[in-house]
Amino acid sequence: MTRAVVFDEFGGPEVLRLADVVVPDPGPGELRIAVTRAGLNPVDAKIRRGGAVAEAFGAVLPSGNGNDFAGVVSAVGPGVTGVAPGDRVFGGRRFEAQAGEVVARTDQVLPTPDAVGDDVAGALWIAGRTALAAVAAVAPGPDGTVLVSAAAGGVGVIATQLALRTGARVIGTVGEANEDFLRALGAEPVRYGDGLADRLRLLAPDGVTAVLDNEGAATLATAVELGASHAGGADADIEQLRELVELIARGEVTVPIERVFPVDRVRDAYELLEAGHLRGKILLAF
């Protein structure tokens, strides 16, 4: 048995609770992982609230929670090679990641480099792949001016750095508290909210070429008004994520951690996530 975050009805953070669940032995091609960190993502909250998003992701009550995890392999199933008990890994397991132990296929995990802590590794499976796919989709390059919304958030901060690596000029929407942080990364901050289009025109009178939209329709509409012809989206494959974690290990990409909560404070963790205006990622500790 292991402790896991679950919910029996759709709703706000108050429906989340801890329960003892059975963890099966790993089958062929599978690993059992002792989870040390589990990352939070906005999509978790959207699924938990029910409706179209929950239906699209196939959520069925009662449900486990979360997608991202990092930890240590505790057992391997038949036929598994190249991974052994004691190895550090990170990965994704939809609806099951927020648990003391998870079982995952070998193609659902990657090795965690020695130079990358579990706080960072446990935050990467969704945010890292989303940021990689968004930047690849717009392919900005040295002549591009890219607008990244929520540029200090979990996806936005990675996307900002990846876009900068292409040589593009990057403008990011942030709150006042994160302006200096964004400048330190090499991007140009712009305040979100009313008047965004006017502030962007001052920064980029020739318009923007692409938008990486992590917020929604308002930022996307503003970017299109200013000439953006591409919007990043979709998903990246596991090999691209392997390259990203190596960049992080070398210190070439930074993933800030807003806060780590003990798992018994999972409701508090999601309340902070859903309040917004974060710098980086929130995780649960097991």
C-alpha atoms as a PDB file:
ATOM      1  CA  MET A   1       0.000   0.000   0.000  1.00  0.00           C
ATOM      2  CA  THR A   2       1.038   3.594  -0.539  1.00  0.00           C
ATOM      3  CA  ARG A   3      -0.426   7.014   0.134  1.00  0.00           C
ATOM      4  CA  ALA A   4      -1.896   8.753  -2.897  1.00  0.00           C
ATOM      5  CA  VAL A   5      -3.777  11.956  -3.676  1.00  0.00           C
ATOM      6  CA  VAL A   6      -7.292  11.134  -4.894  1.00  0.00           C
ATOM      7  CA  PHE A   7     -10.670  12.760  -5.429  1.00  0.00           C
ATOM      8  CA  ASP A   8     -14.139  11.173  -5.387  1.00  0.00           C
ATOM      9  CA  GLU A   9     -16.055  14.076  -6.927  1.00  0.00           C
ATOM     10  CA  PHE A  10     -15.242  16.967  -9.225  1.00  0.00           C
ATOM     11  CA  GLY A  11     -14.634  20.361  -7.659  1.00  0.00           C
ATOM     12  CA  GLY A  12     -12.044  22.667  -6.137  1.00  0.00           C
ATOM     13  CA  PRO A  13      -8.970  21.780  -4.063  1.00  0.00           C
ATOM     14  CA  GLU A  14     -11.252  20.846  -1.168  1.00  0.00           C
ATOM     15  CA  VAL A  15     -12.194  17.550  -2.886  1.00  0.00           C
ATOM     16  CA  LEU A  16      -8.594  16.300  -2.756  1.00  0.00           C
ATOM     17  CA  ARG A  17      -7.704  13.817  -0.035  1.00  0.00           C
ATOM     18  CA  LEU A  18      -5.070  11.210   0.822  1.00  0.00           C
ATOM     19  CA  ALA A  19      -5.897   7.529   0.586  1.00  0.00           C
ATOM     20  CA  ASP A  20      -4.071   4.223   0.896  1.00  0.00           C
ATOM     21  CA  VAL A  21      -3.909   2.505  -2.497  1.00  0.00           C
ATOM     22  CA  VAL A  22      -2.485  -0.789  -3.677  1.00  0.00           C
ATOM     23  CA  VAL A  23       0.631  -0.612  -5.850  1.00  0.00           C
ATOM     24  CA  PRO A  24       0.987  -3.638  -8.132  1.00  0.00           C
ATOM     25  CA  ASP A  25       4.238  -5.390  -8.888  1.00  0.00           C
ATOM     26  CA  PRO A  26       5.770  -4.146 -12.142  1.00  0.00           C
ATOM     27  CA  GLY A  27       4.879  -6.221 -15.182  1.00  0.00           C
ATOM     28  CA  PRO A  28       6.934  -6.809 -18.340  1.00  0.00           C
ATOM     29  CA  GLY A  29       8.603  -3.586 -19.437  1.00  0.00           C
ATOM     30  CA  GLU A  30       7.565  -1.766 -16.266  1.00  0.00           C
ATOM     31  CA  LEU A  31       9.254  -0.177 -13.246  1.00  0.00           C
ATOM     32  CA  ARG A  32       8.077   0.575  -9.748  1.00  0.00           C
ATOM     33  CA  ILE A  33       9.308   3.954  -8.526  1.00  0.00           C
ATOM     34  CA  ALA A  34       9.434   5.328  -4.988  1.00  0.00           C
ATOM     35  CA  VAL A  35       8.289   8.901  -5.592  1.00  0.00           C
ATOM     36  CA  THR A  36      10.154  11.734  -3.885  1.00  0.00           C
ATOM     37  CA  ARG A  37       8.563  14.692  -5.714  1.00  0.00           C
ATOM     38  CA  ALA A  38       5.378  15.131  -7.739  1.00  0.00           C
ATOM     39  CA  GLY A  39       4.806  18.256  -9.795  1.00  0.00           C
ATOM     40  CA  LEU A  40       1.603  20.273 -10.073  1.00  0.00           C
ATOM     41  CA  ASN A  41       0.255  21.526 -13.406  1.00  0.00           C
ATOM     42  CA  PRO A  42      -2.699  23.803 -14.226  1.00  0.00           C
ATOM     43  CA  VAL A  43      -4.249  20.996 -16.257  1.00  0.00           C
ATOM     44  CA  ASP A  44      -4.550  18.951 -13.040  1.00  0.00           C
ATOM     45  CA  ALA A  45      -6.956  21.545 -11.665  1.00  0.00           C
ATOM     46  CA  LYS A  46      -8.914  21.753 -14.917  1.00  0.00           C
ATOM     47  CA  ILE A  47      -9.393  17.984 -14.937  1.00  0.00           C
ATOM     48  CA  ARG A  48     -10.350  17.930 -11.254  1.00  0.00           C
ATOM     49  CA  ARG A  49     -13.058  20.547 -11.844  1.00  0.00           C
ATOM     50  CA  GLY A  50     -14.811  18.265 -14.312  1.00  0.00           C
ATOM     51  CA  GLY A  51     -16.619  19.183 -17.504  1.00  0.00           C
ATOM     52  CA  ALA A  52     -15.176  19.067 -20.990  1.00  0.00           C
ATOM     53  CA  VAL A  53     -11.527  18.960 -19.910  1.00  0.00           C
ATOM     54  CA  ALA A  54     -12.071  15.995 -17.597  1.00  0.00           C
ATOM     55  CA  GLU A  55     -13.998  14.219 -20.339  1.00  0.00           C
ATOM     56  CA  ALA A  56     -11.288  14.930 -22.917  1.00  0.00           C
ATOM     57  CA  PHE A  57      -8.631  13.399 -20.657  1.00  0.00           C
ATOM     58  CA  GLY A  58     -10.767  10.399 -19.774  1.00  0.00           C
ATOM     59  CA  ALA A  59     -11.050  11.160 -16.062  1.00  0.00           C
ATOM     60  CA  VAL A  60     -13.213   8.631 -14.220  1.00  0.00           C
ATOM     61  CA  LEU A  61     -14.296   8.923 -10.576  1.00  0.00           C
ATOM     62  CA  PRO A  62     -12.853   8.042  -8.168  1.00  0.00           C
ATOM     63  CA  SER A  63      -9.586   9.337  -9.596  1.00  0.00           C
ATOM     64  CA  GLY A  64      -5.950   9.673  -8.717  1.00  0.00           C
ATOM     65  CA  ASN A  65      -4.227  12.973  -9.374  1.00  0.00           C
ATOM     66  CA  GLY A  66      -1.263  14.499 -11.150  1.00  0.00           C
ATOM     67  CA  ASN A  67       1.039  13.683 -14.048  1.00  0.00           C
ATOM     68  CA  ASP A  68       4.668  14.452 -13.146  1.00  0.00           C
ATOM     69  CA  PHE A  69       6.965  12.666 -10.717  1.00  0.00           C
ATOM     70  CA  ALA A  70      10.587  12.048  -9.807  1.00  0.00           C
ATOM     71  CA  GLY A  71      12.013   9.350  -7.602  1.00  0.00           C
ATOM     72  CA  VAL A  72      14.063   6.184  -7.284  1.00  0.00           C
ATOM     73  CA  VAL A  73      13.450   2.842  -8.980  1.00  0.00           C
ATOM     74  CA  SER A  74      12.470   0.273  -6.346  1.00  0.00           C
ATOM     75  CA  ALA A  75      11.752  -2.742  -8.592  1.00  0.00           C
ATOM     76  CA  VAL A  76      11.856  -3.725 -12.259  1.00  0.00           C
ATOM     77  CA  GLY A  77       9.598  -6.061 -14.184  1.00  0.00           C
ATOM     78  CA  PRO A  78      10.528  -8.933 -16.498  1.00  0.00           C
ATOM     79  CA  GLY A  79      12.525  -7.992 -19.560  1.00  0.00           C
ATOM     80  CA  VAL A  80      13.628  -4.581 -18.302  1.00  0.00           C
ATOM     81  CA  THR A  81      17.244  -3.731 -19.116  1.00  0.00           C
ATOM     82  CA  GLY A  82      19.309  -0.601 -18.640  1.00  0.00           C
ATOM     83  CA  VAL A  83      17.465   0.399 -15.459  1.00  0.00           C
ATOM     84  CA  ALA A  84      18.008  -1.043 -11.995  1.00  0.00           C
ATOM     85  CA  PRO A  85      16.694  -0.540  -8.467  1.00  0.00           C
ATOM     86  CA  GLY A  86      18.348   2.530  -6.970  1.00  0.00           C
ATOM     87  CA  ASP A  87      18.434   4.478 -10.244  1.00  0.00           C
ATOM     88  CA  ARG A  88      16.988   7.997 -10.147  1.00  0.00           C
ATOM     89  CA  VAL A  89      14.316   8.675 -12.764  1.00  0.00           C
ATOM     90  CA  PHE A  90      11.609  11.182 -13.606  1.00  0.00           C
ATOM     91  CA  GLY A  91       8.519  10.700 -15.694  1.00  0.00           C
ATOM     92  CA  GLY A  92       4.802  10.989 -16.213  1.00  0.00           C
ATOM     93  CA  ARG A  93       1.854   8.877 -15.120  1.00  0.00           C
ATOM     94  CA  ARG A  94      -1.545  10.396 -15.802  1.00  0.00           C
ATOM     95  CA  PHE A  95      -3.849  10.424 -12.756  1.00  0.00           C
ATOM     96  CA  GLU A  96      -1.324   8.414 -10.708  1.00  0.00           C
ATOM     97  CA  ALA A  97       1.808  10.530 -10.245  1.00  0.00           C
ATOM     98  CA  GLN A  98       0.912  11.970  -6.840  1.00  0.00           C
ATOM     99  CA  ALA A  99       1.539   8.815  -4.846  1.00  0.00           C
ATOM    100  CA  GLY A 100       4.299   7.400  -2.687  1.00  0.00           C
ATOM    101  CA  GLU A 101       4.929   4.704  -5.296  1.00  0.00           C
ATOM    102  CA  VAL A 102       3.952   4.436  -8.952  1.00  0.00           C
ATOM    103  CA  VAL A 103       4.330   1.817 -11.661  1.00  0.00           C
ATOM    104  CA  ALA A 104       5.314   3.114 -15.094  1.00  0.00           C
ATOM    105  CA  ARG A 105       6.473   1.737 -18.414  1.00  0.00           C
ATOM    106  CA  THR A 106      10.098   2.279 -19.345  1.00  0.00           C
ATOM    107  CA  ASP A 107       8.993   4.706 -22.081  1.00  0.00           C
ATOM    108  CA  GLN A 108       7.264   6.840 -19.441  1.00  0.00           C
ATOM    109  CA  VAL A 109      10.491   7.688 -17.602  1.00  0.00           C
ATOM    110  CA  LEU A 110      13.931   9.137 -18.239  1.00  0.00           C
ATOM    111  CA  PRO A 111      17.089   8.964 -16.109  1.00  0.00           C
ATOM    112  CA  THR A 112      17.632  11.942 -13.839  1.00  0.00           C
ATOM    113  CA  PRO A 113      21.146  13.368 -14.279  1.00  0.00           C
ATOM    114  CA  ASP A 114      23.251  13.668 -11.124  1.00  0.00           C
ATOM    115  CA  ALA A 115      23.336  17.452 -11.505  1.00  0.00           C
ATOM    116  CA  VAL A 116      19.522  17.764 -11.517  1.00  0.00           C
ATOM    117  CA  GLY A 117      17.628  17.622  -8.234  1.00  0.00           C
ATOM    118  CA  ASP A 118      14.304  15.865  -7.816  1.00  0.00           C
ATOM    119  CA  ASP A 119      12.557  19.219  -7.273  1.00  0.00           C
ATOM    120  CA  VAL A 120      13.397  20.158 -10.860  1.00  0.00           C
ATOM    121  CA  ALA A 121      13.078  16.680 -12.370  1.00  0.00           C
ATOM    122  CA  GLY A 122       9.662  16.196 -10.821  1.00  0.00           C
ATOM    123  CA  ALA A 123       8.422  19.336 -12.547  1.00  0.00           C
ATOM    124  CA  LEU A 124       9.498  18.533 -16.103  1.00  0.00           C
ATOM    125  CA  TRP A 125       7.308  15.911 -17.759  1.00  0.00           C
ATOM    126  CA  ILE A 126       4.404  18.193 -18.724  1.00  0.00           C
ATOM    127  CA  ALA A 127       5.928  21.680 -18.577  1.00  0.00           C
ATOM    128  CA  GLY A 128       9.135  20.684 -20.330  1.00  0.00           C
ATOM    129  CA  ARG A 129       7.430  18.881 -23.192  1.00  0.00           C
ATOM    130  CA  THR A 130       4.881  21.666 -23.619  1.00  0.00           C
ATOM    131  CA  ALA A 131       7.578  24.352 -23.778  1.00  0.00           C
ATOM    132  CA  LEU A 132       9.705  22.330 -26.191  1.00  0.00           C
ATOM    133  CA  ALA A 133       6.786  21.748 -28.557  1.00  0.00           C
ATOM    134  CA  ALA A 134       5.687  25.377 -28.456  1.00  0.00           C
ATOM    135  CA  VAL A 135       9.108  26.733 -29.386  1.00  0.00           C
ATOM    136  CA  ALA A 136       9.598  24.097 -32.080  1.00  0.00           C
ATOM    137  CA  ALA A 137       6.205  24.952 -33.587  1.00  0.00           C
ATOM    138  CA  VAL A 138       7.007  28.642 -34.064  1.00  0.00           C
ATOM    139  CA  ALA A 139      10.727  28.164 -34.864  1.00  0.00           C
ATOM    140  CA  PRO A 140      11.523  31.810 -34.037  1.00  0.00           C
ATOM    141  CA  GLY A 141      15.183  32.306 -35.048  1.00  0.00           C
ATOM    142  CA  PRO A 142      17.377  35.426 -34.940  1.00  0.00           C
ATOM    143  CA  ASP A 143      14.938  37.555 -36.942  1.00  0.00           C
ATOM    144  CA  GLY A 144      11.935  36.727 -34.787  1.00  0.00           C
ATOM    145  CA  THR A 145      10.234  38.613 -31.982  1.00  0.00           C
ATOM    146  CA  VAL A 146       8.363  36.196 -29.743  1.00  0.00           C
ATOM    147  CA  LEU A 147       5.732  37.021 -27.151  1.00  0.00           C
ATOM    148  CA  VAL A 148       5.602  34.512 -24.273  1.00  0.00           C
ATOM    149  CA  SER A 149       2.603  34.803 -21.981  1.00  0.00           C
ATOM    150  CA  ALA A 150       2.939  33.949 -18.279  1.00  0.00           C
ATOM    151  CA  ALA A 151       6.672  33.997 -18.903  1.00  0.00           C
ATOM    152  CA  ALA A 152       7.655  33.364 -15.278  1.00  0.00           C
ATOM    153  CA  GLY A 153       5.332  30.373 -14.883  1.00  0.00           C
ATOM    154  CA  GLY A 154       6.213  26.707 -15.139  1.00  0.00           C
ATOM    155  CA  VAL A 155       5.893  26.396 -18.927  1.00  0.00           C
ATOM    156  CA  GLY A 156       6.623  30.021 -19.747  1.00  0.00           C
ATOM    157  CA  VAL A 157       9.983  30.218 -18.007  1.00  0.00           C
ATOM    158  CA  ILE A 158      11.285  27.191 -19.913  1.00  0.00           C
ATOM    159  CA  ALA A 159       9.819  28.391 -23.220  1.00  0.00           C
ATOM    160  CA  THR A 160      11.373  31.824 -22.710  1.00  0.00           C
ATOM    161  CA  GLN A 161      14.850  30.356 -22.314  1.00  0.00           C
ATOM    162  CA  LEU A 162      14.448  27.964 -25.244  1.00  0.00           C
ATOM    163  CA  ALA A 163      13.260  30.782 -27.502  1.00  0.00           C
ATOM    164  CA  LEU A 164      16.210  32.937 -26.431  1.00  0.00           C
ATOM    165  CA  ARG A 165      18.559  30.114 -27.406  1.00  0.00           C
ATOM    166  CA  THR A 166      17.341  30.414 -31.010  1.00  0.00           C
ATOM    167  CA  GLY A 167      18.558  34.018 -31.093  1.00  0.00           C
ATOM    168  CA  ALA A 168      15.057  35.480 -31.093  1.00  0.00           C
ATOM    169  CA  ARG A 169      14.039  38.594 -29.242  1.00  0.00           C
ATOM    170  CA  VAL A 170      11.702  37.479 -26.452  1.00  0.00           C
ATOM    171  CA  ILE A 171       9.085  39.615 -24.735  1.00  0.00           C
ATOM    172  CA  GLY A 172       7.287  38.031 -21.789  1.00  0.00           C
ATOM    173  CA  THR A 173       4.129  38.987 -19.930  1.00  0.00           C
ATOM    174  CA  VAL A 174       4.680  39.031 -16.163  1.00  0.00           C
ATOM    175  CA  GLY A 175       3.575  40.790 -13.020  1.00  0.00           C
ATOM    176  CA  GLU A 176       5.665  43.525 -11.428  1.00  0.00           C
ATOM    177  CA  ALA A 177       7.330  41.108  -8.986  1.00  0.00           C
ATOM    178  CA  ASN A 178       8.839  39.070 -11.831  1.00  0.00           C
ATOM    179  CA  GLU A 179      10.092  41.830 -14.111  1.00  0.00           C
ATOM    180  CA  ASP A 180      13.700  41.778 -12.886  1.00  0.00           C
ATOM    181  CA  PHE A 181      13.694  37.983 -12.884  1.00  0.00           C
ATOM    182  CA  LEU A 182      12.735  37.935 -16.560  1.00  0.00           C
ATOM    183  CA  ARG A 183      15.354  40.542 -17.444  1.00  0.00           C
ATOM    184  CA  ALA A 184      17.995  38.388 -15.775  1.00  0.00           C
ATOM    185  CA  LEU A 185      17.087  35.568 -18.163  1.00  0.00           C
ATOM    186  CA  GLY A 186      17.659  37.892 -21.122  1.00  0.00           C
ATOM    187  CA  ALA A 187      14.028  38.577 -22.037  1.00  0.00           C
ATOM    188  CA  GLU A 188      12.071  41.833 -21.952  1.00  0.00           C
ATOM    189  CA  PRO A 189       9.173  42.017 -19.480  1.00  0.00           C
ATOM    190  CA  VAL A 190       5.802  43.587 -20.214  1.00  0.00           C
ATOM    191  CA  ARG A 191       2.976  43.845 -17.692  1.00  0.00           C
ATOM    192  CA  TYR A 192      -0.081  41.749 -18.435  1.00  0.00           C
ATOM    193  CA  GLY A 193      -3.615  43.079 -18.070  1.00  0.00           C
ATOM    194  CA  ASP A 194      -5.523  46.024 -19.504  1.00  0.00           C
ATOM    195  CA  GLY A 195      -3.482  48.052 -21.980  1.00  0.00           C
ATOM    196  CA  LEU A 196      -1.219  45.147 -22.932  1.00  0.00           C
ATOM    197  CA  ALA A 197      -1.510  45.889 -26.654  1.00  0.00           C
ATOM    198  CA  ASP A 198      -0.424  49.494 -26.157  1.00  0.00           C
ATOM    199  CA  ARG A 199       2.547  48.493 -24.007  1.00  0.00           C
ATOM    200  CA  LEU A 200       3.586  45.918 -26.593  1.00  0.00           C
ATOM    201  CA  ARG A 201       3.427  48.482 -29.388  1.00  0.00           C
ATOM    202  CA  LEU A 202       5.892  50.633 -27.474  1.00  0.00           C
ATOM    203  CA  LEU A 203       8.260  47.690 -27.036  1.00  0.00           C
ATOM    204  CA  ALA A 204       7.789  46.222 -30.519  1.00  0.00           C
ATOM    205  CA  PRO A 205       6.507  48.868 -32.938  1.00  0.00           C
ATOM    206  CA  ASP A 206       7.041  46.469 -35.844  1.00  0.00           C
ATOM    207  CA  GLY A 207       4.907  43.827 -34.155  1.00  0.00           C
ATOM    208  CA  VAL A 208       5.669  40.295 -33.020  1.00  0.00           C
ATOM    209  CA  THR A 209       6.202  37.276 -35.239  1.00  0.00           C
ATOM    210  CA  ALA A 210       4.964  34.554 -32.906  1.00  0.00           C
ATOM    211  CA  VAL A 211       3.206  33.976 -29.610  1.00  0.00           C
ATOM    212  CA  LEU A 212       3.710  31.199 -27.082  1.00  0.00           C
ATOM    213  CA  ASP A 213       0.420  31.467 -25.252  1.00  0.00           C
ATOM    214  CA  ASN A 214       0.244  29.952 -21.774  1.00  0.00           C
ATOM    215  CA  GLU A 215      -2.729  32.006 -20.574  1.00  0.00           C
ATOM    216  CA  GLY A 216      -5.582  31.989 -23.047  1.00  0.00           C
ATOM    217  CA  ALA A 217      -7.523  33.946 -25.594  1.00  0.00           C
ATOM    218  CA  ALA A 218      -6.755  37.480 -24.381  1.00  0.00           C
ATOM    219  CA  THR A 219      -2.991  37.287 -24.881  1.00  0.00           C
ATOM    220  CA  LEU A 220      -3.375  35.361 -28.132  1.00  0.00           C
ATOM    221  CA  ALA A 221      -5.797  37.946 -29.527  1.00  0.00           C
ATOM    222  CA  THR A 222      -3.414  40.757 -28.609  1.00  0.00           C
ATOM    223  CA  ALA A 223      -0.500  39.021 -30.318  1.00  0.00           C
ATOM    224  CA  VAL A 224      -2.498  38.396 -33.492  1.00  0.00           C
ATOM    225  CA  GLU A 225      -3.511  42.062 -33.483  1.00  0.00           C
ATOM    226  CA  LEU A 226       0.202  42.918 -33.428  1.00  0.00           C
ATOM    227  CA  GLY A 227       1.024  40.669 -36.359  1.00  0.00           C
ATOM    228  CA  ALA A 228       1.862  37.274 -34.854  1.00  0.00           C
ATOM    229  CA  SER A 229       1.367  34.569 -37.446  1.00  0.00           C
ATOM    230  CA  HIS A 230       2.216  31.494 -35.369  1.00  0.00           C
ATOM    231  CA  ALA A 231       1.090  30.166 -32.011  1.00  0.00           C
ATOM    232  CA  GLY A 232       3.034  27.384 -30.356  1.00  0.00           C
ATOM    233  CA  GLY A 233       1.354  24.271 -29.010  1.00  0.00           C
ATOM    234  CA  ALA A 234       1.149  20.461 -29.043  1.00  0.00           C
ATOM    235  CA  ASP A 235       3.607  18.078 -27.390  1.00  0.00           C
ATOM    236  CA  ALA A 236       7.264  17.056 -27.634  1.00  0.00           C
ATOM    237  CA  ASP A 237       8.644  13.547 -27.688  1.00  0.00           C
ATOM    238  CA  ILE A 238      10.704  11.891 -24.995  1.00  0.00           C
ATOM    239  CA  GLU A 239      14.021  12.349 -26.814  1.00  0.00           C
ATOM    240  CA  GLN A 240      13.516  16.117 -26.934  1.00  0.00           C
ATOM    241  CA  LEU A 241      12.852  16.034 -23.206  1.00  0.00           C
ATOM    242  CA  ARG A 242      16.086  14.089 -22.725  1.00  0.00           C
ATOM    243  CA  GLU A 243      17.922  16.941 -24.480  1.00  0.00           C
ATOM    244  CA  LEU A 244      16.199  19.516 -22.275  1.00  0.00           C
ATOM    245  CA  VAL A 245      17.182  17.799 -19.030  1.00  0.00           C
ATOM    246  CA  GLU A 246      20.790  17.700 -20.245  1.00  0.00           C
ATOM    247  CA  LEU A 247      20.637  21.470 -20.846  1.00  0.00           C
ATOM    248  CA  ILE A 248      19.362  21.852 -17.293  1.00  0.00           C
ATOM    249  CA  ALA A 249      22.139  19.613 -15.970  1.00  0.00           C
ATOM    250  CA  ARG A 250      24.715  21.852 -17.680  1.00  0.00           C
ATOM    251  CA  GLY A 251      23.142  24.987 -16.224  1.00  0.00           C
ATOM    252  CA  GLU A 252      22.069  26.299 -19.629  1.00  0.00           C
ATOM    253  CA  VAL A 253      18.355  26.300 -18.739  1.00  0.00           C
ATOM    254  CA  THR A 254      16.995  27.136 -15.285  1.00  0.00           C
ATOM    255  CA  VAL A 255      13.763  25.821 -13.767  1.00  0.00           C
ATOM    256  CA  PRO A 256      12.834  27.894 -10.708  1.00  0.00           C
ATOM    257  CA  ILE A 257      10.836  26.263  -7.937  1.00  0.00           C
ATOM    258  CA  GLU A 258       8.132  28.414  -6.369  1.00  0.00           C
ATOM    259  CA  ARG A 259       7.492  26.069  -3.431  1.00  0.00           C
ATOM    260  CA  VAL A 260       7.539  22.449  -2.274  1.00  0.00           C
ATOM    261  CA  PHE A 261       4.663  21.314  -0.044  1.00  0.00           C
ATOM    262  CA  PRO A 262       4.449  18.122   2.022  1.00  0.00           C
ATOM    263  CA  VAL A 263       1.850  15.863   0.436  1.00  0.00           C
ATOM    264  CA  ASP A 264      -0.565  16.275   3.335  1.00  0.00           C
ATOM    265  CA  ARG A 265      -0.867  19.938   2.312  1.00  0.00           C
ATOM    266  CA  VAL A 266      -1.916  19.141  -1.241  1.00  0.00           C
ATOM    267  CA  ARG A 267      -4.980  21.387  -0.985  1.00  0.00           C
ATOM    268  CA  ASP A 268      -2.810  24.355  -0.016  1.00  0.00           C
ATOM    269  CA  ALA A 269      -0.488  23.580  -2.923  1.00  0.00           C
ATOM    270  CA  TYR A 270      -3.318  23.709  -5.443  1.00  0.00           C
ATOM    271  CA  GLU A 271      -4.790  26.854  -3.922  1.00  0.00           C
ATOM    272  CA  LEU A 272      -1.440  28.559  -4.520  1.00  0.00           C
ATOM    273  CA  LEU A 273      -1.219  27.167  -8.055  1.00  0.00           C
ATOM    274  CA  GLU A 274      -4.722  28.284  -8.955  1.00  0.00           C
ATOM    275  CA  ALA A 275      -4.140  31.778  -7.555  1.00  0.00           C
ATOM    276  CA  GLY A 276      -1.537  32.295 -10.293  1.00  0.00           C
ATOM    277  CA  HIS A 277       1.314  34.822 -10.533  1.00  0.00           C
ATOM    278  CA  LEU A 278       3.943  32.181  -9.803  1.00  0.00           C
ATOM    279  CA  ARG A 279       7.658  31.989 -10.504  1.00  0.00           C
ATOM    280  CA  GLY A 280       8.313  28.471 -11.723  1.00  0.00           C
ATOM    281  CA  LYS A 281       6.855  25.251 -10.391  1.00  0.00           C
ATOM    282  CA  ILE A 282       5.084  23.885  -7.315  1.00  0.00           C
ATOM    283  CA  LEU A 283       5.700  20.322  -6.129  1.00  0.00           C
ATOM    284  CA  LEU A 284       4.622  17.854  -3.479  1.00  0.00           C
ATOM    285  CA  ALA A 285       7.178  16.046  -1.314  1.00  0.00           C
ATOM    286  CA  PHE A 286       6.669  12.379  -0.390  1.00  0.00           C
END
